[in-house]
Amino acid sequence: MKFFIIIKEKSERLPDKNFLNLTGIPLYKHLLNTLSSEDVYIDTDSDIIFNECKTLSNVTCYKRDTKHVELEKNIEFAVSPVLLMIENFLNKYVQDENEVIITPHVTSPYIRLETMLDAAKMLSEYNTVCACTEHKEFTYFKGEPVNFNPNVVSKTQDLEPVVMGNGAFFIFTKKEFIKNKNRTSKNNYFYPIKFPESIEIDTAEDFRMAKMYEFIYELS
């Protein structure tokens, strides 16, 4: 099993996001501490991250391919080059096509190793796994009801939960990724996670929630 992480230096929505102080350490270190006993590979454009990882015996860290850096800057390239980065990692560092690969994100500081390992067990029945959150709410998409009959007043607890991809982690094998050219497949298992593991820091509001949780946790 290998863990593959992409850590970039600059963030648009929340400046210096991956380096913000959360409970006394930079955000990115939370995940690295969680995975201190695992085989970890990091793709980064940050000299800070690259130099820091030299002291971590379980981490193989390498500088991001220049072409991937340029693609992120290219406004005409409308999607993230993350899939290209994963493919590059698989080609260079993964020889067994059936080895389990987990790609967590440093923006999920409270995700637990036990949770990811448990989710990986679902590969015995599914081809890929990804983290999600479940919501029992009256949900619409483009003005149309998704999980309820608008002609009936349903109880909230009776609604079919709506599944939303959380992004905390994706799990697959090299074989499946090469076949699908993606982190997920048609035979994908949506592994539900709950608060606080579901905290995903993308905005200043997300970061305030993470700090608030930590403050409440310290008081309890």
N, C-alpha and C. Protein backbone atom coordinates (compact mmCIF):
# COMPACT_ATOMS: atom_id res chain seq x y z
N MET A 1 0.85 -1.20 0.00
CA MET A 1 0.00 0.00 0.00
C MET A 1 0.88 1.25 0.00
N LYS A 2 0.52 2.20 -0.84
CA LYS A 2 1.24 3.46 -0.90
C LYS A 2 0.26 4.62 -0.78
N PHE A 3 0.73 5.69 -0.14
CA PHE A 3 -0.05 6.92 -0.01
C PHE A 3 0.59 7.98 -0.91
N PHE A 4 -0.21 8.59 -1.76
CA PHE A 4 0.29 9.62 -2.67
C PHE A 4 -0.39 10.94 -2.36
N ILE A 5 0.42 11.98 -2.12
CA ILE A 5 -0.11 13.29 -1.72
C ILE A 5 0.45 14.37 -2.64
N ILE A 6 -0.41 15.26 -3.05
CA ILE A 6 0.00 16.43 -3.82
C ILE A 6 -0.09 17.65 -2.90
N ILE A 7 1.02 18.36 -2.75
CA ILE A 7 1.02 19.56 -1.90
C ILE A 7 1.58 20.73 -2.72
N LYS A 8 0.76 21.74 -2.91
CA LYS A 8 1.25 22.90 -3.66
C LYS A 8 1.53 24.07 -2.71
N GLU A 9 2.38 24.96 -3.18
CA GLU A 9 2.81 26.06 -2.32
C GLU A 9 1.79 27.18 -2.25
N LYS A 10 1.19 27.54 -3.38
CA LYS A 10 0.28 28.67 -3.41
C LYS A 10 -1.16 28.20 -3.58
N SER A 11 -2.07 28.88 -2.88
CA SER A 11 -3.49 28.58 -2.98
C SER A 11 -4.24 29.86 -3.32
N GLU A 12 -5.25 29.75 -4.15
CA GLU A 12 -5.96 30.94 -4.61
C GLU A 12 -7.04 31.40 -3.63
N ARG A 13 -7.92 30.49 -3.22
CA ARG A 13 -9.06 30.90 -2.38
C ARG A 13 -8.64 31.26 -0.96
N LEU A 14 -7.64 30.56 -0.45
CA LEU A 14 -7.15 30.82 0.91
C LEU A 14 -5.63 30.88 0.85
N PRO A 15 -5.07 32.07 0.76
CA PRO A 15 -3.61 32.23 0.59
C PRO A 15 -2.80 31.48 1.65
N ASP A 16 -1.74 30.81 1.18
CA ASP A 16 -0.84 30.05 2.06
C ASP A 16 -1.57 28.99 2.86
N LYS A 17 -2.64 28.46 2.30
CA LYS A 17 -3.51 27.52 3.02
C LYS A 17 -2.74 26.36 3.65
N ASN A 18 -1.91 25.71 2.89
CA ASN A 18 -1.24 24.50 3.39
C ASN A 18 -0.22 24.77 4.49
N PHE A 19 0.10 26.06 4.70
CA PHE A 19 1.09 26.43 5.71
C PHE A 19 0.47 27.15 6.91
N LEU A 20 -0.85 27.31 6.92
CA LEU A 20 -1.51 28.00 8.02
C LEU A 20 -1.35 27.22 9.32
N ASN A 21 -1.24 27.95 10.42
CA ASN A 21 -1.04 27.34 11.72
C ASN A 21 -2.34 26.77 12.26
N LEU A 22 -2.36 25.45 12.44
CA LEU A 22 -3.51 24.79 13.04
C LEU A 22 -3.01 23.95 14.20
N THR A 23 -3.38 24.33 15.41
CA THR A 23 -2.94 23.67 16.64
C THR A 23 -1.43 23.65 16.77
N GLY A 24 -0.80 24.74 16.36
CA GLY A 24 0.63 24.88 16.60
C GLY A 24 1.54 24.37 15.51
N ILE A 25 0.99 23.76 14.47
CA ILE A 25 1.82 23.27 13.37
C ILE A 25 1.16 23.62 12.03
N PRO A 26 1.95 23.68 10.95
CA PRO A 26 1.36 23.98 9.64
C PRO A 26 0.33 22.93 9.24
N LEU A 27 -0.67 23.36 8.52
CA LEU A 27 -1.76 22.47 8.12
C LEU A 27 -1.26 21.18 7.49
N TYR A 28 -0.29 21.26 6.58
CA TYR A 28 0.15 20.07 5.85
C TYR A 28 0.75 19.00 6.75
N LYS A 29 1.28 19.41 7.92
CA LYS A 29 1.95 18.45 8.81
C LYS A 29 0.97 17.51 9.51
N HIS A 30 -0.28 17.91 9.61
CA HIS A 30 -1.26 17.03 10.26
C HIS A 30 -1.35 15.69 9.54
N LEU A 31 -1.49 15.73 8.23
CA LEU A 31 -1.58 14.48 7.47
C LEU A 31 -0.27 13.71 7.51
N LEU A 32 0.85 14.41 7.41
CA LEU A 32 2.14 13.72 7.45
C LEU A 32 2.34 13.02 8.80
N ASN A 33 1.90 13.65 9.88
CA ASN A 33 1.98 13.01 11.20
C ASN A 33 1.07 11.79 11.27
N THR A 34 -0.11 11.89 10.68
CA THR A 34 -1.05 10.76 10.66
C THR A 34 -0.46 9.58 9.92
N LEU A 35 0.34 9.85 8.89
CA LEU A 35 0.89 8.79 8.04
C LEU A 35 2.35 8.49 8.36
N SER A 36 2.78 8.78 9.57
CA SER A 36 4.20 8.65 9.93
C SER A 36 4.72 7.21 9.84
N SER A 37 3.82 6.23 9.87
CA SER A 37 4.24 4.83 9.80
C SER A 37 3.99 4.21 8.43
N GLU A 38 3.57 5.03 7.47
CA GLU A 38 3.18 4.51 6.16
C GLU A 38 4.18 4.90 5.07
N ASP A 39 4.06 4.24 3.93
CA ASP A 39 4.91 4.50 2.77
C ASP A 39 4.29 5.66 1.98
N VAL A 40 4.88 6.84 2.07
CA VAL A 40 4.28 8.06 1.55
C VAL A 40 5.11 8.65 0.41
N TYR A 41 4.41 9.13 -0.62
CA TYR A 41 5.05 9.79 -1.76
C TYR A 41 4.40 11.15 -1.93
N ILE A 42 5.22 12.18 -2.12
CA ILE A 42 4.70 13.55 -2.22
C ILE A 42 5.19 14.21 -3.49
N ASP A 43 4.26 14.78 -4.22
CA ASP A 43 4.55 15.60 -5.40
C ASP A 43 4.32 17.05 -4.99
N THR A 44 5.36 17.88 -5.08
CA THR A 44 5.20 19.27 -4.61
C THR A 44 5.98 20.25 -5.48
N ASP A 45 5.50 21.48 -5.51
CA ASP A 45 6.24 22.56 -6.17
C ASP A 45 6.88 23.48 -5.14
N SER A 46 6.84 23.04 -3.88
CA SER A 46 7.33 23.87 -2.77
C SER A 46 8.71 23.43 -2.30
N ASP A 47 9.66 24.36 -2.27
CA ASP A 47 10.98 24.07 -1.72
C ASP A 47 10.89 23.80 -0.23
N ILE A 48 9.97 24.46 0.44
CA ILE A 48 9.80 24.27 1.88
C ILE A 48 9.41 22.83 2.18
N ILE A 49 8.40 22.34 1.46
CA ILE A 49 7.95 20.96 1.66
C ILE A 49 9.05 19.98 1.28
N PHE A 50 9.68 20.22 0.15
CA PHE A 50 10.72 19.32 -0.36
C PHE A 50 11.85 19.17 0.67
N ASN A 51 12.31 20.28 1.21
CA ASN A 51 13.40 20.24 2.18
C ASN A 51 12.97 19.65 3.51
N GLU A 52 11.75 19.93 3.91
CA GLU A 52 11.22 19.38 5.16
C GLU A 52 11.17 17.86 5.09
N CYS A 53 10.77 17.33 3.96
CA CYS A 53 10.57 15.88 3.82
C CYS A 53 11.88 15.10 3.80
N LYS A 54 12.99 15.79 3.62
CA LYS A 54 14.29 15.12 3.64
C LYS A 54 14.57 14.48 4.99
N THR A 55 13.90 14.98 6.03
CA THR A 55 14.12 14.46 7.39
C THR A 55 13.16 13.32 7.73
N LEU A 56 12.25 12.99 6.82
CA LEU A 56 11.23 11.97 7.09
C LEU A 56 11.58 10.68 6.36
N SER A 57 11.93 9.66 7.10
CA SER A 57 12.42 8.41 6.50
C SER A 57 11.34 7.64 5.74
N ASN A 58 10.08 7.88 6.05
CA ASN A 58 9.00 7.14 5.39
C ASN A 58 8.46 7.85 4.16
N VAL A 59 9.05 9.01 3.84
CA VAL A 59 8.51 9.84 2.75
C VAL A 59 9.49 9.94 1.58
N THR A 60 8.96 9.71 0.38
CA THR A 60 9.69 9.99 -0.85
C THR A 60 9.06 11.23 -1.46
N CYS A 61 9.80 12.32 -1.48
CA CYS A 61 9.26 13.58 -1.96
C CYS A 61 10.04 14.02 -3.20
N TYR A 62 9.32 14.48 -4.21
CA TYR A 62 9.99 14.94 -5.42
C TYR A 62 9.32 16.21 -5.93
N LYS A 63 10.09 17.01 -6.66
CA LYS A 63 9.59 18.27 -7.17
C LYS A 63 8.66 18.03 -8.36
N ARG A 64 7.61 18.81 -8.41
CA ARG A 64 6.59 18.68 -9.46
C ARG A 64 7.20 18.88 -10.85
N ASP A 65 6.74 18.07 -11.78
CA ASP A 65 7.17 18.18 -13.16
C ASP A 65 6.83 19.57 -13.69
N THR A 66 7.77 20.19 -14.37
CA THR A 66 7.57 21.55 -14.88
C THR A 66 6.33 21.67 -15.75
N LYS A 67 6.05 20.66 -16.54
CA LYS A 67 4.88 20.74 -17.42
C LYS A 67 3.58 20.75 -16.63
N HIS A 68 3.56 20.12 -15.48
CA HIS A 68 2.36 20.15 -14.64
C HIS A 68 2.20 21.51 -13.96
N VAL A 69 3.32 22.11 -13.59
CA VAL A 69 3.28 23.46 -13.03
C VAL A 69 2.74 24.44 -14.05
N GLU A 70 3.19 24.32 -15.28
CA GLU A 70 2.76 25.22 -16.34
C GLU A 70 1.28 25.03 -16.66
N LEU A 71 0.80 23.79 -16.61
CA LEU A 71 -0.61 23.52 -16.89
C LEU A 71 -1.51 24.19 -15.85
N GLU A 72 -1.06 24.19 -14.59
CA GLU A 72 -1.85 24.84 -13.54
C GLU A 72 -1.94 26.34 -13.78
N LYS A 73 -0.90 26.92 -14.36
CA LYS A 73 -0.89 28.35 -14.61
C LYS A 73 -1.62 28.72 -15.90
N ASN A 74 -1.81 27.75 -16.78
CA ASN A 74 -2.40 28.00 -18.09
C ASN A 74 -3.92 28.16 -17.98
N ILE A 75 -4.43 29.36 -18.19
CA ILE A 75 -5.86 29.63 -18.05
C ILE A 75 -6.68 28.93 -19.12
N GLU A 76 -6.04 28.49 -20.19
CA GLU A 76 -6.76 27.78 -21.25
C GLU A 76 -6.91 26.29 -20.93
N PHE A 77 -6.13 25.82 -19.96
CA PHE A 77 -6.26 24.43 -19.51
C PHE A 77 -7.23 24.43 -18.34
N ALA A 78 -8.50 24.14 -18.63
CA ALA A 78 -9.59 24.43 -17.69
C ALA A 78 -9.70 23.46 -16.52
N VAL A 79 -8.93 22.38 -16.51
CA VAL A 79 -9.05 21.40 -15.44
C VAL A 79 -7.73 21.27 -14.69
N SER A 80 -7.79 20.67 -13.52
CA SER A 80 -6.58 20.45 -12.73
C SER A 80 -5.75 19.33 -13.37
N PRO A 81 -4.42 19.46 -13.34
CA PRO A 81 -3.56 18.39 -13.87
C PRO A 81 -3.34 17.25 -12.88
N VAL A 82 -4.18 17.16 -11.86
CA VAL A 82 -3.98 16.16 -10.81
C VAL A 82 -3.93 14.73 -11.37
N LEU A 83 -4.75 14.42 -12.36
CA LEU A 83 -4.75 13.07 -12.92
C LEU A 83 -3.43 12.77 -13.62
N LEU A 84 -2.85 13.77 -14.23
CA LEU A 84 -1.55 13.61 -14.88
C LEU A 84 -0.46 13.38 -13.83
N MET A 85 -0.59 14.05 -12.69
CA MET A 85 0.38 13.88 -11.61
C MET A 85 0.29 12.48 -11.02
N ILE A 86 -0.93 11.98 -10.88
CA ILE A 86 -1.11 10.62 -10.36
C ILE A 86 -0.53 9.60 -11.33
N GLU A 87 -0.80 9.79 -12.61
CA GLU A 87 -0.26 8.88 -13.61
C GLU A 87 1.26 8.89 -13.61
N ASN A 88 1.85 10.05 -13.45
CA ASN A 88 3.31 10.18 -13.37
C ASN A 88 3.85 9.40 -12.17
N PHE A 89 3.20 9.55 -11.02
CA PHE A 89 3.60 8.82 -9.81
C PHE A 89 3.50 7.32 -10.02
N LEU A 90 2.40 6.87 -10.58
CA LEU A 90 2.19 5.43 -10.79
C LEU A 90 3.25 4.85 -11.72
N ASN A 91 3.56 5.56 -12.77
CA ASN A 91 4.54 5.07 -13.73
C ASN A 91 5.95 5.00 -13.14
N LYS A 92 6.27 5.94 -12.25
CA LYS A 92 7.62 6.01 -11.69
C LYS A 92 7.83 5.14 -10.44
N TYR A 93 6.79 5.01 -9.63
CA TYR A 93 7.01 4.42 -8.31
C TYR A 93 6.16 3.18 -7.99
N VAL A 94 5.23 2.83 -8.85
CA VAL A 94 4.37 1.68 -8.56
C VAL A 94 4.55 0.62 -9.64
N GLN A 95 5.11 -0.51 -9.26
CA GLN A 95 5.35 -1.58 -10.23
C GLN A 95 4.25 -2.63 -10.21
N ASP A 96 3.73 -2.92 -9.03
CA ASP A 96 2.64 -3.89 -8.91
C ASP A 96 1.32 -3.22 -9.27
N GLU A 97 0.71 -3.64 -10.36
CA GLU A 97 -0.52 -2.98 -10.82
C GLU A 97 -1.70 -3.19 -9.90
N ASN A 98 -1.58 -4.14 -8.96
CA ASN A 98 -2.68 -4.40 -8.02
C ASN A 98 -2.43 -3.81 -6.64
N GLU A 99 -1.34 -3.06 -6.49
CA GLU A 99 -1.07 -2.45 -5.19
C GLU A 99 -2.11 -1.37 -4.88
N VAL A 100 -2.53 -1.31 -3.63
CA VAL A 100 -3.52 -0.32 -3.21
C VAL A 100 -2.87 1.05 -3.08
N ILE A 101 -3.49 2.05 -3.70
CA ILE A 101 -3.01 3.42 -3.65
C ILE A 101 -4.07 4.29 -2.97
N ILE A 102 -3.67 5.04 -1.96
CA ILE A 102 -4.58 5.97 -1.28
C ILE A 102 -4.07 7.39 -1.50
N THR A 103 -4.94 8.26 -1.97
CA THR A 103 -4.54 9.65 -2.23
C THR A 103 -5.34 10.59 -1.32
N PRO A 104 -4.86 10.81 -0.10
CA PRO A 104 -5.52 11.76 0.80
C PRO A 104 -5.08 13.19 0.50
N HIS A 105 -5.71 14.14 1.15
CA HIS A 105 -5.37 15.55 0.94
C HIS A 105 -5.02 16.21 2.27
N VAL A 106 -4.00 17.06 2.25
CA VAL A 106 -3.59 17.74 3.48
C VAL A 106 -4.65 18.71 3.98
N THR A 107 -5.62 19.02 3.15
CA THR A 107 -6.69 19.93 3.55
C THR A 107 -7.76 19.23 4.39
N SER A 108 -7.57 17.95 4.67
CA SER A 108 -8.45 17.22 5.58
C SER A 108 -7.64 16.83 6.82
N PRO A 109 -7.39 17.77 7.72
CA PRO A 109 -6.45 17.54 8.82
C PRO A 109 -6.90 16.53 9.86
N TYR A 110 -8.21 16.24 9.91
CA TYR A 110 -8.70 15.34 10.96
C TYR A 110 -9.03 13.94 10.45
N ILE A 111 -8.69 13.65 9.20
CA ILE A 111 -8.93 12.30 8.69
C ILE A 111 -8.01 11.33 9.41
N ARG A 112 -8.53 10.17 9.76
CA ARG A 112 -7.77 9.20 10.54
C ARG A 112 -7.22 8.09 9.64
N LEU A 113 -6.05 7.58 9.98
CA LEU A 113 -5.47 6.47 9.23
C LEU A 113 -6.39 5.26 9.29
N GLU A 114 -6.97 5.02 10.45
CA GLU A 114 -7.86 3.87 10.61
C GLU A 114 -9.05 3.95 9.65
N THR A 115 -9.53 5.17 9.43
CA THR A 115 -10.66 5.36 8.51
C THR A 115 -10.26 4.98 7.09
N MET A 116 -9.10 5.45 6.65
CA MET A 116 -8.65 5.16 5.28
C MET A 116 -8.36 3.67 5.09
N LEU A 117 -7.78 3.04 6.09
CA LEU A 117 -7.50 1.61 5.99
C LEU A 117 -8.79 0.81 5.95
N ASP A 118 -9.77 1.23 6.72
CA ASP A 118 -11.06 0.55 6.70
C ASP A 118 -11.73 0.72 5.34
N ALA A 119 -11.65 1.93 4.78
CA ALA A 119 -12.24 2.19 3.47
C ALA A 119 -11.57 1.34 2.40
N ALA A 120 -10.27 1.13 2.53
CA ALA A 120 -9.53 0.35 1.53
C ALA A 120 -10.01 -1.10 1.46
N LYS A 121 -10.61 -1.59 2.53
CA LYS A 121 -11.14 -2.96 2.54
C LYS A 121 -12.25 -3.14 1.51
N MET A 122 -12.90 -2.04 1.13
CA MET A 122 -14.01 -2.12 0.18
C MET A 122 -13.53 -2.47 -1.23
N LEU A 123 -12.21 -2.44 -1.45
CA LEU A 123 -11.71 -2.84 -2.77
C LEU A 123 -11.91 -4.33 -3.02
N SER A 124 -12.28 -5.07 -1.99
CA SER A 124 -12.58 -6.49 -2.19
C SER A 124 -13.88 -6.68 -2.95
N GLU A 125 -14.74 -5.64 -2.94
CA GLU A 125 -16.03 -5.71 -3.63
C GLU A 125 -16.18 -4.66 -4.72
N TYR A 126 -15.42 -3.57 -4.60
CA TYR A 126 -15.53 -2.46 -5.55
C TYR A 126 -14.17 -2.20 -6.19
N ASN A 127 -14.18 -1.51 -7.33
CA ASN A 127 -12.93 -1.22 -8.03
C ASN A 127 -12.23 0.02 -7.49
N THR A 128 -13.00 0.95 -6.98
CA THR A 128 -12.45 2.19 -6.43
C THR A 128 -13.28 2.62 -5.23
N VAL A 129 -12.70 3.49 -4.41
CA VAL A 129 -13.38 4.00 -3.21
C VAL A 129 -13.09 5.49 -3.09
N CYS A 130 -14.07 6.27 -2.66
CA CYS A 130 -13.80 7.67 -2.36
C CYS A 130 -14.60 8.11 -1.15
N ALA A 131 -14.07 9.08 -0.43
CA ALA A 131 -14.75 9.60 0.76
C ALA A 131 -15.95 10.45 0.35
N CYS A 132 -16.98 10.40 1.17
CA CYS A 132 -18.16 11.22 0.89
C CYS A 132 -18.83 11.61 2.21
N THR A 133 -19.76 12.53 2.11
CA THR A 133 -20.64 12.85 3.23
C THR A 133 -22.07 12.60 2.78
N GLU A 134 -22.89 12.13 3.70
CA GLU A 134 -24.30 11.86 3.40
C GLU A 134 -25.17 12.94 4.02
N HIS A 135 -26.16 13.41 3.26
CA HIS A 135 -27.03 14.48 3.73
C HIS A 135 -28.49 14.09 3.53
N LYS A 136 -29.26 14.10 4.63
CA LYS A 136 -30.69 13.86 4.54
C LYS A 136 -31.41 15.19 4.56
N GLU A 137 -31.46 15.81 3.40
CA GLU A 137 -32.11 17.10 3.25
C GLU A 137 -32.88 17.10 1.92
N PHE A 138 -33.86 17.99 1.82
CA PHE A 138 -34.61 18.11 0.58
C PHE A 138 -33.69 18.76 -0.46
N THR A 139 -33.32 17.97 -1.44
CA THR A 139 -32.28 18.38 -2.37
C THR A 139 -32.82 18.58 -3.78
N TYR A 140 -32.36 19.68 -4.41
CA TYR A 140 -32.74 19.99 -5.78
C TYR A 140 -31.49 20.07 -6.64
N PHE A 141 -31.65 19.77 -7.92
CA PHE A 141 -30.58 20.00 -8.89
C PHE A 141 -31.20 20.64 -10.13
N LYS A 142 -30.73 21.83 -10.44
CA LYS A 142 -31.28 22.61 -11.55
C LYS A 142 -32.80 22.78 -11.42
N GLY A 143 -33.21 23.01 -10.16
CA GLY A 143 -34.62 23.27 -9.89
C GLY A 143 -35.49 22.04 -9.78
N GLU A 144 -34.93 20.85 -10.00
CA GLU A 144 -35.71 19.61 -9.93
C GLU A 144 -35.38 18.84 -8.65
N PRO A 145 -36.40 18.26 -8.01
CA PRO A 145 -36.16 17.49 -6.78
C PRO A 145 -35.32 16.25 -7.07
N VAL A 146 -34.41 15.96 -6.16
CA VAL A 146 -33.50 14.83 -6.35
C VAL A 146 -33.92 13.61 -5.53
N ASN A 147 -34.23 13.82 -4.27
CA ASN A 147 -34.43 12.69 -3.37
C ASN A 147 -35.79 12.68 -2.68
N PHE A 148 -36.77 13.35 -3.27
CA PHE A 148 -38.10 13.36 -2.66
C PHE A 148 -39.17 13.63 -3.72
N ASN A 149 -40.39 13.26 -3.35
CA ASN A 149 -41.56 13.50 -4.21
C ASN A 149 -42.17 14.85 -3.80
N PRO A 150 -42.14 15.85 -4.67
CA PRO A 150 -42.64 17.17 -4.29
C PRO A 150 -44.14 17.20 -4.00
N ASN A 151 -44.85 16.13 -4.37
CA ASN A 151 -46.30 16.08 -4.14
C ASN A 151 -46.65 15.46 -2.78
N VAL A 152 -45.60 15.08 -2.05
CA VAL A 152 -45.80 14.45 -0.74
C VAL A 152 -44.93 15.17 0.28
N VAL A 153 -45.48 15.39 1.48
CA VAL A 153 -44.69 15.99 2.56
C VAL A 153 -44.01 14.86 3.33
N SER A 154 -42.76 14.62 2.99
CA SER A 154 -42.01 13.53 3.62
C SER A 154 -41.34 13.99 4.90
N LYS A 155 -41.09 13.04 5.77
CA LYS A 155 -40.29 13.33 6.96
C LYS A 155 -38.81 13.34 6.56
N THR A 156 -38.06 14.27 7.12
CA THR A 156 -36.64 14.37 6.76
C THR A 156 -35.90 13.06 7.00
N GLN A 157 -36.23 12.39 8.12
CA GLN A 157 -35.52 11.15 8.45
C GLN A 157 -35.81 10.02 7.47
N ASP A 158 -36.88 10.17 6.68
CA ASP A 158 -37.23 9.13 5.71
C ASP A 158 -36.64 9.37 4.32
N LEU A 159 -35.97 10.49 4.15
CA LEU A 159 -35.40 10.81 2.84
C LEU A 159 -34.22 9.90 2.52
N GLU A 160 -34.07 9.61 1.23
CA GLU A 160 -32.88 8.90 0.77
C GLU A 160 -31.71 9.88 0.88
N PRO A 161 -30.62 9.51 1.56
CA PRO A 161 -29.52 10.47 1.72
C PRO A 161 -28.87 10.82 0.39
N VAL A 162 -28.52 12.08 0.25
CA VAL A 162 -27.77 12.53 -0.92
C VAL A 162 -26.29 12.39 -0.59
N VAL A 163 -25.55 11.80 -1.50
CA VAL A 163 -24.12 11.56 -1.29
C VAL A 163 -23.33 12.65 -2.00
N MET A 164 -22.43 13.28 -1.25
CA MET A 164 -21.57 14.32 -1.83
C MET A 164 -20.11 13.92 -1.65
N GLY A 165 -19.37 13.90 -2.74
CA GLY A 165 -17.95 13.58 -2.66
C GLY A 165 -17.25 14.58 -1.77
N ASN A 166 -16.47 14.08 -0.83
CA ASN A 166 -15.80 14.95 0.14
C ASN A 166 -14.40 15.34 -0.29
N GLY A 167 -13.70 14.44 -0.97
CA GLY A 167 -12.35 14.73 -1.42
C GLY A 167 -11.27 14.41 -0.40
N ALA A 168 -11.66 13.90 0.78
CA ALA A 168 -10.66 13.59 1.81
C ALA A 168 -9.68 12.53 1.33
N PHE A 169 -10.18 11.55 0.56
CA PHE A 169 -9.29 10.52 0.01
C PHE A 169 -9.97 9.79 -1.15
N PHE A 170 -9.13 9.25 -2.03
CA PHE A 170 -9.55 8.36 -3.10
C PHE A 170 -8.67 7.12 -3.01
N ILE A 171 -9.23 5.96 -3.30
CA ILE A 171 -8.50 4.70 -3.20
C ILE A 171 -8.70 3.88 -4.48
N PHE A 172 -7.61 3.37 -5.01
CA PHE A 172 -7.69 2.60 -6.25
C PHE A 172 -6.41 1.79 -6.41
N THR A 173 -6.30 1.05 -7.48
CA THR A 173 -5.06 0.37 -7.83
C THR A 173 -4.52 0.98 -9.12
N LYS A 174 -3.27 0.74 -9.39
CA LYS A 174 -2.68 1.24 -10.64
C LYS A 174 -3.46 0.71 -11.83
N LYS A 175 -3.84 -0.54 -11.78
CA LYS A 175 -4.57 -1.18 -12.87
C LYS A 175 -5.87 -0.46 -13.16
N GLU A 176 -6.62 -0.13 -12.10
CA GLU A 176 -7.90 0.55 -12.28
C GLU A 176 -7.72 1.98 -12.77
N PHE A 177 -6.72 2.66 -12.24
CA PHE A 177 -6.51 4.04 -12.67
C PHE A 177 -6.14 4.11 -14.15
N ILE A 178 -5.24 3.25 -14.58
CA ILE A 178 -4.84 3.24 -15.98
C ILE A 178 -6.02 2.89 -16.87
N LYS A 179 -6.87 2.00 -16.41
CA LYS A 179 -8.03 1.61 -17.22
C LYS A 179 -9.05 2.74 -17.33
N ASN A 180 -9.30 3.43 -16.22
CA ASN A 180 -10.34 4.47 -16.19
C ASN A 180 -9.81 5.87 -16.49
N LYS A 181 -8.47 6.03 -16.38
CA LYS A 181 -7.87 7.35 -16.49
C LYS A 181 -8.51 8.31 -15.48
N ASN A 182 -8.84 7.76 -14.32
CA ASN A 182 -9.50 8.54 -13.28
C ASN A 182 -9.33 7.86 -11.93
N ARG A 183 -9.64 8.61 -10.86
CA ARG A 183 -9.53 8.07 -9.51
C ARG A 183 -10.72 7.21 -9.14
N THR A 184 -11.83 7.37 -9.85
CA THR A 184 -13.04 6.60 -9.57
C THR A 184 -13.46 5.82 -10.82
N SER A 185 -14.32 4.84 -10.59
CA SER A 185 -14.81 3.99 -11.67
C SER A 185 -16.32 3.89 -11.58
N LYS A 186 -16.93 3.18 -12.51
CA LYS A 186 -18.38 2.95 -12.44
C LYS A 186 -18.73 2.08 -11.24
N ASN A 187 -17.78 1.22 -10.86
CA ASN A 187 -17.99 0.37 -9.69
C ASN A 187 -17.26 0.98 -8.50
N ASN A 188 -17.72 2.16 -8.10
CA ASN A 188 -17.08 2.93 -7.03
C ASN A 188 -17.90 2.84 -5.74
N TYR A 189 -17.19 2.73 -4.62
CA TYR A 189 -17.87 2.75 -3.32
C TYR A 189 -17.70 4.11 -2.67
N PHE A 190 -18.80 4.72 -2.28
CA PHE A 190 -18.76 6.01 -1.59
C PHE A 190 -18.72 5.74 -0.09
N TYR A 191 -17.55 5.99 0.48
CA TYR A 191 -17.34 5.69 1.90
C TYR A 191 -17.70 6.92 2.73
N PRO A 192 -18.76 6.83 3.55
CA PRO A 192 -19.20 8.01 4.30
C PRO A 192 -18.31 8.33 5.50
N ILE A 193 -17.96 9.59 5.63
CA ILE A 193 -17.23 10.05 6.80
C ILE A 193 -18.03 11.17 7.47
N LYS A 194 -17.80 11.35 8.74
CA LYS A 194 -18.56 12.34 9.51
C LYS A 194 -17.63 13.37 10.13
N PHE A 195 -18.21 14.42 10.65
CA PHE A 195 -17.49 15.47 11.36
C PHE A 195 -16.76 14.86 12.56
N PRO A 196 -15.54 15.22 12.84
CA PRO A 196 -14.72 16.27 12.23
C PRO A 196 -13.87 15.80 11.04
N GLU A 197 -13.88 14.46 10.77
CA GLU A 197 -13.06 13.97 9.66
C GLU A 197 -13.48 14.59 8.33
N SER A 198 -14.72 15.00 8.25
CA SER A 198 -15.24 15.55 7.00
C SER A 198 -14.84 17.01 6.76
N ILE A 199 -14.19 17.63 7.74
CA ILE A 199 -13.74 19.02 7.55
C ILE A 199 -12.73 19.07 6.41
N GLU A 200 -13.04 19.84 5.39
CA GLU A 200 -12.18 20.02 4.22
C GLU A 200 -11.90 21.51 4.10
N ILE A 201 -10.64 21.89 4.24
CA ILE A 201 -10.29 23.31 4.30
C ILE A 201 -9.99 23.86 2.91
N ASP A 202 -10.92 24.62 2.39
CA ASP A 202 -10.75 25.29 1.10
C ASP A 202 -10.85 26.80 1.23
N THR A 203 -11.60 27.25 2.23
CA THR A 203 -11.86 28.68 2.40
C THR A 203 -11.51 29.12 3.82
N ALA A 204 -11.54 30.43 4.04
CA ALA A 204 -11.27 30.97 5.38
C ALA A 204 -12.32 30.48 6.37
N GLU A 205 -13.55 30.33 5.91
CA GLU A 205 -14.62 29.84 6.79
C GLU A 205 -14.34 28.39 7.21
N ASP A 206 -13.86 27.57 6.28
CA ASP A 206 -13.51 26.19 6.62
C ASP A 206 -12.41 26.16 7.68
N PHE A 207 -11.43 27.04 7.52
CA PHE A 207 -10.31 27.08 8.45
C PHE A 207 -10.77 27.51 9.84
N ARG A 208 -11.70 28.47 9.88
CA ARG A 208 -12.25 28.90 11.18
C ARG A 208 -12.98 27.74 11.85
N MET A 209 -13.70 26.94 11.06
CA MET A 209 -14.40 25.78 11.62
C MET A 209 -13.41 24.77 12.20
N ALA A 210 -12.30 24.56 11.50
CA ALA A 210 -11.29 23.62 11.98
C ALA A 210 -10.68 24.10 13.29
N LYS A 211 -10.41 25.40 13.38
CA LYS A 211 -9.84 25.95 14.61
C LYS A 211 -10.86 25.92 15.74
N MET A 212 -12.12 26.15 15.40
CA MET A 212 -13.18 26.11 16.41
C MET A 212 -13.32 24.70 16.97
N TYR A 213 -13.27 23.71 16.09
CA TYR A 213 -13.36 22.32 16.56
C TYR A 213 -12.22 22.01 17.52
N GLU A 214 -11.02 22.42 17.15
CA GLU A 214 -9.86 22.14 17.99
C GLU A 214 -9.99 22.82 19.35
N PHE A 215 -10.54 24.03 19.35
CA PHE A 215 -10.72 24.75 20.60
C PHE A 215 -11.72 24.04 21.51
N ILE A 216 -12.83 23.58 20.92
CA ILE A 216 -13.84 22.88 21.69
C ILE A 216 -13.30 21.53 22.18
N TYR A 217 -12.51 20.86 21.31
CA TYR A 217 -11.93 19.58 21.66
C TYR A 217 -10.99 19.72 22.86
N GLU A 218 -10.21 20.79 22.90
CA GLU A 218 -9.28 21.01 24.00
C GLU A 218 -10.02 21.29 25.30
N LEU A 219 -11.20 21.91 25.21
CA LEU A 219 -11.97 22.21 26.40
C LEU A 219 -12.67 20.99 26.97
N SER A 220 -12.97 20.03 26.10
CA SER A 220 -13.76 18.86 26.55
C SER A 220 -12.87 17.85 27.29
